[in-house]
Structure formats: C-alpha cells, structure tokens
PDB file of N, CA and C in Angstrom:
ATOM      1  N   MET A   1      15.005   9.141   8.440  1.00  0.00           N
ATOM      2  CA  MET A   1      15.679   8.222   8.979  1.00  0.00           C
ATOM      3  C   MET A   1      17.099   8.517   9.253  1.00  0.00           C
ATOM      4  N   ALA A   2      17.757   9.119   8.127  1.00  0.00           N
ATOM      5  CA  ALA A   2      19.090   9.257   8.202  1.00  0.00           C
ATOM      6  C   ALA A   2      19.435  10.361   9.344  1.00  0.00           C
ATOM      7  N   GLY A   3      18.583  11.146   9.638  1.00  0.00           N
ATOM      8  CA  GLY A   3      18.754  12.241  10.633  1.00  0.00           C
ATOM      9  C   GLY A   3      18.502  11.557  11.923  1.00  0.00           C
ATOM     10  N   ARG A   4      17.599  10.540  12.140  1.00  0.00           N
ATOM     11  CA  ARG A   4      17.490   9.989  13.453  1.00  0.00           C
ATOM     12  C   ARG A   4      18.526   8.934  13.803  1.00  0.00           C
ATOM     13  N   THR A   5      19.098   8.216  12.690  1.00  0.00           N
ATOM     14  CA  THR A   5      20.314   7.194  13.077  1.00  0.00           C
ATOM     15  C   THR A   5      21.551   7.926  13.023  1.00  0.00           C
ATOM     16  N   ASP A   6      21.711   8.828  12.517  1.00  0.00           N
ATOM     17  CA  ASP A   6      23.001   9.494  12.120  1.00  0.00           C
ATOM     18  C   ASP A   6      24.121   8.528  11.399  1.00  0.00           C
ATOM     19  N   ASP A   7      23.427   7.851  10.721  1.00  0.00           N
ATOM     20  CA  ASP A   7      24.158   6.839   9.831  1.00  0.00           C
ATOM     21  C   ASP A   7      24.641   7.430   8.597  1.00  0.00           C
ATOM     22  N   PRO A   8      26.065   7.473   8.364  1.00  0.00           N
ATOM     23  CA  PRO A   8      26.772   7.941   7.406  1.00  0.00           C
ATOM     24  C   PRO A   8      26.015   7.561   5.908  1.00  0.00           C
ATOM     25  N   ALA A   9      25.820   6.393   5.842  1.00  0.00           N
ATOM     26  CA  ALA A   9      25.314   5.720   4.569  1.00  0.00           C
ATOM     27  C   ALA A   9      23.855   6.300   4.192  1.00  0.00           C
ATOM     28  N   LEU A  10      23.046   6.103   5.277  1.00  0.00           N
ATOM     29  CA  LEU A  10      21.770   6.713   5.097  1.00  0.00           C
ATOM     30  C   LEU A  10      21.760   8.108   4.878  1.00  0.00           C
ATOM     31  N   ARG A  11      22.705   9.008   5.254  1.00  0.00           N
ATOM     32  CA  ARG A  11      22.803  10.441   5.053  1.00  0.00           C
ATOM     33  C   ARG A  11      23.211  10.517   3.645  1.00  0.00           C
ATOM     34  N   ALA A  12      24.277   9.775   3.190  1.00  0.00           N
ATOM     35  CA  ALA A  12      24.709   9.811   1.767  1.00  0.00           C
ATOM     36  C   ALA A  12      23.717   9.635   0.776  1.00  0.00           C
ATOM     37  N   LEU A  13      22.740   8.515   1.249  1.00  0.00           N
ATOM     38  CA  LEU A  13      21.639   8.201   0.170  1.00  0.00           C
ATOM     39  C   LEU A  13      20.678   9.220   0.231  1.00  0.00           C
ATOM     40  N   ALA A  14      20.314   9.899   1.294  1.00  0.00           N
ATOM     41  CA  ALA A  14      19.494  11.112   1.188  1.00  0.00           C
ATOM     42  C   ALA A  14      19.984  12.096   0.404  1.00  0.00           C
ATOM     43  N   VAL A  15      21.218  12.520   0.389  1.00  0.00           N
ATOM     44  CA  VAL A  15      21.839  13.295  -0.375  1.00  0.00           C
ATOM     45  C   VAL A  15      21.670  13.056  -1.763  1.00  0.00           C
ATOM     46  N   GLU A  16      22.008  11.849  -2.163  1.00  0.00           N
ATOM     47  CA  GLU A  16      21.906  11.273  -3.563  1.00  0.00           C
ATOM     48  C   GLU A  16      20.444  11.360  -4.192  1.00  0.00           C
ATOM     49  N   ALA A  17      19.464  10.955  -3.261  1.00  0.00           N
ATOM     50  CA  ALA A  17      18.004  11.033  -3.633  1.00  0.00           C
ATOM     51  C   ALA A  17      17.827  12.410  -4.058  1.00  0.00           C
ATOM     52  N   GLN A  18      18.162  13.386  -3.160  1.00  0.00           N
ATOM     53  CA  GLN A  18      17.704  14.752  -3.398  1.00  0.00           C
ATOM     54  C   GLN A  18      18.185  15.255  -4.885  1.00  0.00           C
ATOM     55  N   SER A  19      19.220  14.687  -5.390  1.00  0.00           N
ATOM     56  CA  SER A  19      19.686  14.935  -6.817  1.00  0.00           C
ATOM     57  C   SER A  19      18.841  14.430  -7.911  1.00  0.00           C
ATOM     58  N   TRP A  20      17.974  13.462  -7.557  1.00  0.00           N
ATOM     59  CA  TRP A  20      17.209  12.658  -8.616  1.00  0.00           C
ATOM     60  C   TRP A  20      16.063  13.637  -9.130  1.00  0.00           C
ATOM     61  N   PRO A  21      15.894  13.516 -10.427  1.00  0.00           N
ATOM     62  CA  PRO A  21      14.878  14.353 -10.997  1.00  0.00           C
ATOM     63  C   PRO A  21      13.301  14.110 -10.398  1.00  0.00           C
ATOM     64  N   GLY A  22      12.686  15.153 -10.086  1.00  0.00           N
ATOM     65  CA  GLY A  22      11.177  14.988  -9.649  1.00  0.00           C
ATOM     66  C   GLY A  22      11.112  14.757  -8.164  1.00  0.00           C
ATOM     67  N   VAL A  23      12.437  14.556  -7.271  1.00  0.00           N
ATOM     68  CA  VAL A  23      12.255  14.405  -5.983  1.00  0.00           C
ATOM     69  C   VAL A  23      12.030  15.560  -5.189  1.00  0.00           C
ATOM     70  N   PRO A  24      11.154  15.801  -4.291  1.00  0.00           N
ATOM     71  CA  PRO A  24      10.991  17.210  -3.667  1.00  0.00           C
ATOM     72  C   PRO A  24      11.822  17.421  -2.727  1.00  0.00           C
ATOM     73  N   ALA A  25      12.023  18.741  -2.172  1.00  0.00           N
ATOM     74  CA  ALA A  25      13.131  19.153  -1.280  1.00  0.00           C
ATOM     75  C   ALA A  25      12.962  18.326   0.011  1.00  0.00           C
ATOM     76  N   ARG A  26      14.336  18.125   0.472  1.00  0.00           N
ATOM     77  CA  ARG A  26      14.552  17.151   1.608  1.00  0.00           C
ATOM     78  C   ARG A  26      13.577  17.477   2.742  1.00  0.00           C
ATOM     79  N   LYS A  27      13.424  18.792   3.018  1.00  0.00           N
ATOM     80  CA  LYS A  27      12.686  19.051   4.216  1.00  0.00           C
ATOM     81  C   LYS A  27      11.219  18.719   4.108  1.00  0.00           C
ATOM     82  N   SER A  28      10.647  18.613   3.049  1.00  0.00           N
ATOM     83  CA  SER A  28       9.320  18.144   2.749  1.00  0.00           C
ATOM     84  C   SER A  28       9.023  16.683   3.037  1.00  0.00           C
ATOM     85  N   TRP A  29      10.079  15.839   3.162  1.00  0.00           N
ATOM     86  CA  TRP A  29       9.866  14.218   3.054  1.00  0.00           C
ATOM     87  C   TRP A  29       8.963  13.829   4.030  1.00  0.00           C
ATOM     88  N   SER A  30       8.890  14.670   5.142  1.00  0.00           N
ATOM     89  CA  SER A  30       8.153  14.066   6.286  1.00  0.00           C
ATOM     90  C   SER A  30       6.640  14.461   6.192  1.00  0.00           C
ATOM     91  N   ASP A  31       6.432  15.459   5.254  1.00  0.00           N
ATOM     92  CA  ASP A  31       5.240  16.048   5.138  1.00  0.00           C
ATOM     93  C   ASP A  31       4.230  15.368   4.232  1.00  0.00           C
ATOM     94  N   PRO A  32       3.025  15.214   4.433  1.00  0.00           N
ATOM     95  CA  PRO A  32       2.016  14.573   3.510  1.00  0.00           C
ATOM     96  C   PRO A  32       1.965  15.462   1.991  1.00  0.00           C
ATOM     97  N   ALA A  33       1.829  14.644   1.076  1.00  0.00           N
ATOM     98  CA  ALA A  33       1.533  15.432  -0.138  1.00  0.00           C
ATOM     99  C   ALA A  33       0.426  16.262  -0.155  1.00  0.00           C
ATOM    100  N   PRO A  34       0.568  17.434  -1.062  1.00  0.00           N
ATOM    101  CA  PRO A  34      -0.605  18.367  -0.881  1.00  0.00           C
ATOM    102  C   PRO A  34      -2.030  17.556  -1.302  1.00  0.00           C
ATOM    103  N   THR A  35      -1.755  16.574  -2.173  1.00  0.00           N
ATOM    104  CA  THR A  35      -3.153  15.779  -2.491  1.00  0.00           C
ATOM    105  C   THR A  35      -3.672  14.900  -1.419  1.00  0.00           C
ATOM    106  N   ASP A  36      -2.787  14.577  -0.607  1.00  0.00           N
ATOM    107  CA  ASP A  36      -3.270  13.521   0.560  1.00  0.00           C
ATOM    108  C   ASP A  36      -4.421  14.099   1.367  1.00  0.00           C
ATOM    109  N   SER A  37      -5.415  13.349   1.676  1.00  0.00           N
ATOM    110  CA  SER A  37      -6.581  13.592   2.616  1.00  0.00           C
ATOM    111  C   SER A  37      -6.072  13.203   4.058  1.00  0.00           C
ATOM    112  N   ASP A  38      -7.167  13.560   4.857  1.00  0.00           N
ATOM    113  CA  ASP A  38      -6.872  13.400   6.275  1.00  0.00           C
ATOM    114  C   ASP A  38      -7.373  11.954   6.528  1.00  0.00           C
ATOM    115  N   SER A  39      -7.548  11.136   5.675  1.00  0.00           N
ATOM    116  CA  SER A  39      -8.127   9.685   5.914  1.00  0.00           C
ATOM    117  C   SER A  39      -7.022   8.971   6.501  1.00  0.00           C
ATOM    118  N   PRO A  40      -7.353   8.191   7.586  1.00  0.00           N
ATOM    119  CA  PRO A  40      -6.268   7.267   8.150  1.00  0.00           C
ATOM    120  C   PRO A  40      -6.004   6.183   7.214  1.00  0.00           C
ATOM    121  N   VAL A  41      -6.663   5.997   6.183  1.00  0.00           N
ATOM    122  CA  VAL A  41      -6.375   4.815   5.247  1.00  0.00           C
ATOM    123  C   VAL A  41      -5.596   5.394   3.954  1.00  0.00           C
ATOM    124  N   LEU A  42      -4.652   4.529   3.671  1.00  0.00           N
ATOM    125  CA  LEU A  42      -3.649   4.804   2.612  1.00  0.00           C
ATOM    126  C   LEU A  42      -4.244   4.054   1.491  1.00  0.00           C
ATOM    127  N   THR A  43      -4.771   4.628   0.327  1.00  0.00           N
ATOM    128  CA  THR A  43      -5.298   4.127  -0.673  1.00  0.00           C
ATOM    129  C   THR A  43      -4.249   3.685  -1.698  1.00  0.00           C
ATOM    130  N   TRP A  44      -4.209   2.404  -2.176  1.00  0.00           N
ATOM    131  CA  TRP A  44      -3.205   1.952  -3.155  1.00  0.00           C
ATOM    132  C   TRP A  44      -3.861   2.140  -4.349  1.00  0.00           C
ATOM    133  N   ARG A  45      -3.374   2.755  -5.422  1.00  0.00           N
ATOM    134  CA  ARG A  45      -3.990   2.980  -6.697  1.00  0.00           C
ATOM    135  C   ARG A  45      -3.263   2.254  -7.870  1.00  0.00           C
ATOM    136  N   ILE A  46      -3.899   1.400  -8.576  1.00  0.00           N
ATOM    137  CA  ILE A  46      -3.053   0.549  -9.648  1.00  0.00           C
ATOM    138  C   ILE A  46      -3.965   0.759 -10.856  1.00  0.00           C
ATOM    139  N   ARG A  47      -3.370   0.332 -11.997  1.00  0.00           N
ATOM    140  CA  ARG A  47      -4.296   0.226 -13.295  1.00  0.00           C
ATOM    141  C   ARG A  47      -3.874  -1.294 -13.633  1.00  0.00           C
ATOM    142  N   LEU A  48      -5.001  -1.964 -13.622  1.00  0.00           N
ATOM    143  CA  LEU A  48      -4.784  -3.527 -14.122  1.00  0.00           C
ATOM    144  C   LEU A  48      -5.724  -3.726 -15.363  1.00  0.00           C
ATOM    145  N   HIS A  49      -5.254  -4.395 -16.223  1.00  0.00           N
ATOM    146  CA  HIS A  49      -6.086  -4.624 -17.557  1.00  0.00           C
ATOM    147  C   HIS A  49      -6.875  -3.253 -17.984  1.00  0.00           C
ATOM    148  N   GLY A  50      -6.122  -2.118 -17.938  1.00  0.00           N
ATOM    149  CA  GLY A  50      -6.734  -0.986 -18.427  1.00  0.00           C
ATOM    150  C   GLY A  50      -7.913  -0.382 -17.622  1.00  0.00           C
ATOM    151  N   ARG A  51      -8.003  -0.965 -16.494  1.00  0.00           N
ATOM    152  CA  ARG A  51      -8.960  -0.217 -15.407  1.00  0.00           C
ATOM    153  C   ARG A  51      -8.314   0.189 -14.273  1.00  0.00           C
ATOM    154  N   ASP A  52      -8.757   1.323 -13.734  1.00  0.00           N
ATOM    155  CA  ASP A  52      -8.245   1.914 -12.372  1.00  0.00           C
ATOM    156  C   ASP A  52      -8.748   1.526 -11.204  1.00  0.00           C
ATOM    157  N   LEU A  53      -8.012   0.894 -10.405  1.00  0.00           N
ATOM    158  CA  LEU A  53      -8.503   0.137  -9.112  1.00  0.00           C
ATOM    159  C   LEU A  53      -7.839   1.049  -7.932  1.00  0.00           C
ATOM    160  N   ALA A  54      -8.830   1.154  -6.686  1.00  0.00           N
ATOM    161  CA  ALA A  54      -8.452   1.793  -5.537  1.00  0.00           C
ATOM    162  C   ALA A  54      -8.649   0.646  -4.498  1.00  0.00           C
ATOM    163  N   LEU A  55      -7.488   0.463  -3.892  1.00  0.00           N
ATOM    164  CA  LEU A  55      -7.722  -0.788  -2.759  1.00  0.00           C
ATOM    165  C   LEU A  55      -6.992  -0.141  -1.462  1.00  0.00           C
ATOM    166  N   PHE A  56      -7.303  -0.936  -0.219  1.00  0.00           N
ATOM    167  CA  PHE A  56      -6.562  -0.559   0.868  1.00  0.00           C
ATOM    168  C   PHE A  56      -6.438  -1.926   1.376  1.00  0.00           C
ATOM    169  N   THR A  57      -5.305  -2.136   2.319  1.00  0.00           N
ATOM    170  CA  THR A  57      -4.986  -3.396   2.758  1.00  0.00           C
ATOM    171  C   THR A  57      -5.103  -3.466   4.252  1.00  0.00           C
ATOM    172  N   ILE A  58      -5.502  -4.817   4.605  1.00  0.00           N
ATOM    173  CA  ILE A  58      -5.694  -5.092   6.076  1.00  0.00           C
ATOM    174  C   ILE A  58      -4.708  -6.214   6.353  1.00  0.00           C
ATOM    175  N   MET A  59      -3.754  -6.182   7.262  1.00  0.00           N
ATOM    176  CA  MET A  59      -2.752  -7.268   7.436  1.00  0.00           C
ATOM    177  C   MET A  59      -2.993  -7.680   8.919  1.00  0.00           C
ATOM    178  N   SER A  60      -2.987  -9.101   9.030  1.00  0.00           N
ATOM    179  CA  SER A  60      -3.362  -9.740  10.347  1.00  0.00           C
ATOM    180  C   SER A  60      -2.009 -10.671  10.666  1.00  0.00           C
ATOM    181  N   VAL A  61      -1.655 -10.578  11.779  1.00  0.00           N
ATOM    182  CA  VAL A  61      -0.403 -11.476  12.226  1.00  0.00           C
ATOM    183  C   VAL A  61      -0.940 -12.386  13.176  1.00  0.00           C
ATOM    184  N   VAL A  62      -0.645 -13.633  13.312  1.00  0.00           N
ATOM    185  CA  VAL A  62      -0.871 -14.620  14.159  1.00  0.00           C
ATOM    186  C   VAL A  62       0.022 -14.448  15.343  1.00  0.00           C
ATOM    187  N   GLY A  63      -0.426 -13.698  16.549  1.00  0.00           N
ATOM    188  CA  GLY A  63       0.282 -13.430  17.665  1.00  0.00           C
ATOM    189  C   GLY A  63       0.783 -14.518  18.476  1.00  0.00           C
ATOM    190  N   THR A  64      -0.091 -15.363  18.852  1.00  0.00           N
ATOM    191  CA  THR A  64       0.223 -16.310  19.696  1.00  0.00           C
ATOM    192  C   THR A  64      -0.170 -17.672  19.248  1.00  0.00           C
ATOM    193  N   PRO A  65       0.520 -18.294  18.320  1.00  0.00           N
ATOM    194  CA  PRO A  65       0.173 -19.539  17.670  1.00  0.00           C
ATOM    195  C   PRO A  65       0.487 -20.639  18.372  1.00  0.00           C
ATOM    196  N   TRP A  66      -0.413 -21.901  18.254  1.00  0.00           N
ATOM    197  CA  TRP A  66      -0.241 -23.069  18.906  1.00  0.00           C
ATOM    198  C   TRP A  66       0.897 -23.845  18.385  1.00  0.00           C
ATOM    199  N   GLU A  67       0.997 -23.598  16.906  1.00  0.00           N
ATOM    200  CA  GLU A  67       1.859 -24.342  16.183  1.00  0.00           C
ATOM    201  C   GLU A  67       3.175 -23.329  15.806  1.00  0.00           C
ATOM    202  N   ILE A  68       4.397 -23.835  15.822  1.00  0.00           N
ATOM    203  CA  ILE A  68       5.423 -23.006  15.441  1.00  0.00           C
ATOM    204  C   ILE A  68       5.277 -22.494  13.930  1.00  0.00           C
ATOM    205  N   GLY A  69       4.586 -23.476  13.086  1.00  0.00           N
ATOM    206  CA  GLY A  69       4.633 -23.122  11.555  1.00  0.00           C
ATOM    207  C   GLY A  69       3.789 -21.803  11.396  1.00  0.00           C
ATOM    208  N   LEU A  70       2.843 -21.517  12.447  1.00  0.00           N
ATOM    209  CA  LEU A  70       1.985 -20.205  12.166  1.00  0.00           C
ATOM    210  C   LEU A  70       2.701 -19.039  12.763  1.00  0.00           C
ATOM    211  N   SER A  71       3.866 -19.194  13.458  1.00  0.00           N
ATOM    212  CA  SER A  71       4.313 -18.010  14.118  1.00  0.00           C
ATOM    213  C   SER A  71       4.839 -16.802  13.088  1.00  0.00           C
ATOM    214  N   GLU A  72       5.038 -17.146  11.892  1.00  0.00           N
ATOM    215  CA  GLU A  72       5.538 -16.092  10.957  1.00  0.00           C
ATOM    216  C   GLU A  72       4.237 -15.693  10.024  1.00  0.00           C
ATOM    217  N   LEU A  73       3.120 -16.401  10.166  1.00  0.00           N
ATOM    218  CA  LEU A  73       1.944 -16.093   9.208  1.00  0.00           C
ATOM    219  C   LEU A  73       1.386 -14.825   9.169  1.00  0.00           C
ATOM    220  N   THR A  74       1.227 -14.205   8.252  1.00  0.00           N
ATOM    221  CA  THR A  74       0.724 -12.804   8.002  1.00  0.00           C
ATOM    222  C   THR A  74      -0.353 -13.104   7.060  1.00  0.00           C
ATOM    223  N   ILE A  75      -1.485 -12.767   7.155  1.00  0.00           N
ATOM    224  CA  ILE A  75      -2.541 -12.804   6.160  1.00  0.00           C
ATOM    225  C   ILE A  75      -2.828 -11.363   5.699  1.00  0.00           C
ATOM    226  N   GLU A  76      -2.905 -10.955   4.304  1.00  0.00           N
ATOM    227  CA  GLU A  76      -2.994  -9.695   3.894  1.00  0.00           C
ATOM    228  C   GLU A  76      -4.319  -9.836   3.135  1.00  0.00           C
ATOM    229  N   THR A  77      -5.360  -8.767   3.211  1.00  0.00           N
ATOM    230  CA  THR A  77      -6.383  -8.800   2.616  1.00  0.00           C
ATOM    231  C   THR A  77      -6.656  -7.514   2.005  1.00  0.00           C
ATOM    232  N   PHE A  78      -6.868  -7.545   0.494  1.00  0.00           N
ATOM    233  CA  PHE A  78      -7.091  -6.153  -0.084  1.00  0.00           C
ATOM    234  C   PHE A  78      -8.484  -5.870  -0.322  1.00  0.00           C
ATOM    235  N   VAL A  79      -9.055  -4.686   0.084  1.00  0.00           N
ATOM    236  CA  VAL A  79     -10.491  -4.387  -0.007  1.00  0.00           C
ATOM    237  C   VAL A  79     -10.673  -3.195  -0.974  1.00  0.00           C
ATOM    238  N   PRO A  80     -11.656  -3.214  -1.651  1.00  0.00           N
ATOM    239  CA  PRO A  80     -12.058  -2.021  -2.640  1.00  0.00           C
ATOM    240  C   PRO A  80     -12.183  -0.788  -1.676  1.00  0.00           C
ATOM    241  N   ALA A  81     -11.602   0.327  -2.259  1.00  0.00           N
ATOM    242  CA  ALA A  81     -11.627   1.606  -1.532  1.00  0.00           C
ATOM    243  C   ALA A  81     -12.632   2.532  -1.909  1.00  0.00           C
ATOM    244  N   ASP A  82     -13.439   2.063  -3.239  1.00  0.00           N
ATOM    245  CA  ASP A  82     -14.368   2.920  -3.680  1.00  0.00           C
ATOM    246  C   ASP A  82     -15.436   2.091  -4.563  1.00  0.00           C
ATOM    247  N   PRO A  83     -16.511   2.645  -4.748  1.00  0.00           N
ATOM    248  CA  PRO A  83     -17.785   1.683  -5.370  1.00  0.00           C
ATOM    249  C   PRO A  83     -17.224   1.223  -6.902  1.00  0.00           C
ATOM    250  N   ASP A  84     -16.580   1.967  -7.487  1.00  0.00           N
ATOM    251  CA  ASP A  84     -16.034   1.557  -8.956  1.00  0.00           C
ATOM    252  C   ASP A  84     -15.185   0.366  -8.719  1.00  0.00           C
ATOM    253  N   THR A  85     -14.185   0.450  -7.926  1.00  0.00           N
ATOM    254  CA  THR A  85     -13.367  -0.758  -7.730  1.00  0.00           C
ATOM    255  C   THR A  85     -14.240  -2.104  -7.451  1.00  0.00           C
ATOM    256  N   HIS A  86     -15.021  -1.782  -6.361  1.00  0.00           N
ATOM    257  CA  HIS A  86     -15.932  -3.036  -5.989  1.00  0.00           C
ATOM    258  C   HIS A  86     -16.587  -3.512  -7.124  1.00  0.00           C
ATOM    259  N   ASP A  87     -17.248  -2.542  -7.879  1.00  0.00           N
ATOM    260  CA  ASP A  87     -17.923  -3.136  -9.207  1.00  0.00           C
ATOM    261  C   ASP A  87     -17.111  -3.825 -10.117  1.00  0.00           C
ATOM    262  N   ILE A  88     -15.864  -3.257 -10.442  1.00  0.00           N
ATOM    263  CA  ILE A  88     -14.795  -4.026 -11.308  1.00  0.00           C
ATOM    264  C   ILE A  88     -14.386  -5.472 -10.770  1.00  0.00           C
ATOM    265  N   LEU A  89     -14.200  -5.598  -9.479  1.00  0.00           N
ATOM    266  CA  LEU A  89     -13.769  -6.810  -8.907  1.00  0.00           C
ATOM    267  C   LEU A  89     -14.847  -7.828  -8.866  1.00  0.00           C
ATOM    268  N   TRP A  90     -16.135  -7.130  -8.671  1.00  0.00           N
ATOM    269  CA  TRP A  90     -17.272  -8.046  -8.624  1.00  0.00           C
ATOM    270  C   TRP A  90     -17.346  -8.757 -10.123  1.00  0.00           C
ATOM    271  N   GLU A  91     -17.349  -7.763 -11.000  1.00  0.00           N
ATOM    272  CA  GLU A  91     -17.699  -8.120 -12.329  1.00  0.00           C
ATOM    273  C   GLU A  91     -16.490  -9.325 -12.760  1.00  0.00           C
ATOM    274  N   TRP A  92     -15.263  -9.098 -12.350  1.00  0.00           N
ATOM    275  CA  TRP A  92     -14.032  -9.986 -12.595  1.00  0.00           C
ATOM    276  C   TRP A  92     -14.357 -11.312 -11.985  1.00  0.00           C
ATOM    277  N   SER A  93     -14.936 -11.297 -10.768  1.00  0.00           N
ATOM    278  CA  SER A  93     -15.123 -12.483  -9.980  1.00  0.00           C
ATOM    279  C   SER A  93     -16.210 -13.360 -10.639  1.00  0.00           C
ATOM    280  N   ARG A  94     -17.225 -12.739 -11.266  1.00  0.00           N
ATOM    281  CA  ARG A  94     -18.318 -13.327 -11.876  1.00  0.00           C
ATOM    282  C   ARG A  94     -17.973 -13.893 -13.091  1.00  0.00           C
ATOM    283  N   THR A  95     -17.065 -13.260 -13.898  1.00  0.00           N
ATOM    284  CA  THR A  95     -16.425 -13.851 -15.050  1.00  0.00           C
ATOM    285  C   THR A  95     -15.573 -14.955 -14.850  1.00  0.00           C
ATOM    286  N   SER A  96     -14.974 -14.791 -13.701  1.00  0.00           N
ATOM    287  CA  SER A  96     -14.033 -16.115 -13.347  1.00  0.00           C
ATOM    288  C   SER A  96     -14.919 -17.295 -13.006  1.00  0.00           C
ATOM    289  N   HIS A  97     -15.922 -16.923 -12.111  1.00  0.00           N
ATOM    290  CA  HIS A  97     -16.807 -18.031 -11.427  1.00  0.00           C
ATOM    291  C   HIS A  97     -18.084 -17.744 -11.934  1.00  0.00           C
ATOM    292  N   PRO A  98     -18.671 -17.953 -13.149  1.00  0.00           N
ATOM    293  CA  PRO A  98     -20.019 -17.695 -13.492  1.00  0.00           C
ATOM    294  C   PRO A  98     -21.222 -18.420 -12.690  1.00  0.00           C
ATOM    295  N   ASP A  99     -20.912 -19.342 -12.027  1.00  0.00           N
ATOM    296  CA  ASP A  99     -21.994 -19.896 -11.072  1.00  0.00           C
ATOM    297  C   ASP A  99     -22.275 -19.066  -9.896  1.00  0.00           C
ATOM    298  N   THR A 100     -21.465 -17.945  -9.604  1.00  0.00           N
ATOM    299  CA  THR A 100     -21.418 -17.079  -8.339  1.00  0.00           C
ATOM    300  C   THR A 100     -23.070 -16.627  -8.493  1.00  0.00           C
ATOM    301  N   THR A 101     -23.766 -16.520  -7.421  1.00  0.00           N
ATOM    302  CA  THR A 101     -25.026 -15.782  -7.363  1.00  0.00           C
ATOM    303  C   THR A 101     -24.851 -14.813  -6.562  1.00  0.00           C
ATOM    304  N   ALA A 102     -25.981 -13.496  -7.130  1.00  0.00           N
ATOM    305  CA  ALA A 102     -25.804 -12.236  -6.436  1.00  0.00           C
ATOM    306  C   ALA A 102     -26.099 -12.254  -5.085  1.00  0.00           C
TER     307      ALA A 102
END
C-alpha cells in the first residue's frame, strides 16, 4: 500500500515494520506464505478451550434495503472448515442445548 499511495507515513511504517523481529523481507509481503494452499478460502485457525478449530467466514451485506436501519447491516457466518471442527462445534451445541436431536 505504501508503494501504491506514495504516502510518506505509510512508507515510514513499512520501514519500521521491517525492523521488527520475525517479519519477512519487504519484497515478500505480497507473496503468499510457503504453507498457503491454492484454495480460494482463507481458513481462520484458533484454539478455544484447548481445542483447535478451523473456520472460514461468509459475509453478506444488505445491498438495497427498504429500511434505512438495514443499510449498514452485515451478517457474518462462521462455517467449519474441516470435519474435526464440525464435530467439536456439534458437540458443544449439544452440550449447550441437550434437547437437540441428531
């Protein structure tokens, strides 16, 4: 972004960020990490209550609302990205709502 906007503040921030430990060389910032796959989905990985979860998100924006209150509404849904995450979330949902049927 600093190179595209020619903003001195962004350029200074980029130079500073390069000096931080563990930050890769500036020329590689636009390249995907070597561990990235060719998948069009970016998986969000978190550890929650000692369990590893892999999720992806879908965001939907109300484009032409009839009411002004809906004009800024964005709905974000998190979806399990692998079977293990699905099983963990299903287990948690059944624990929270024991009357849920399979």
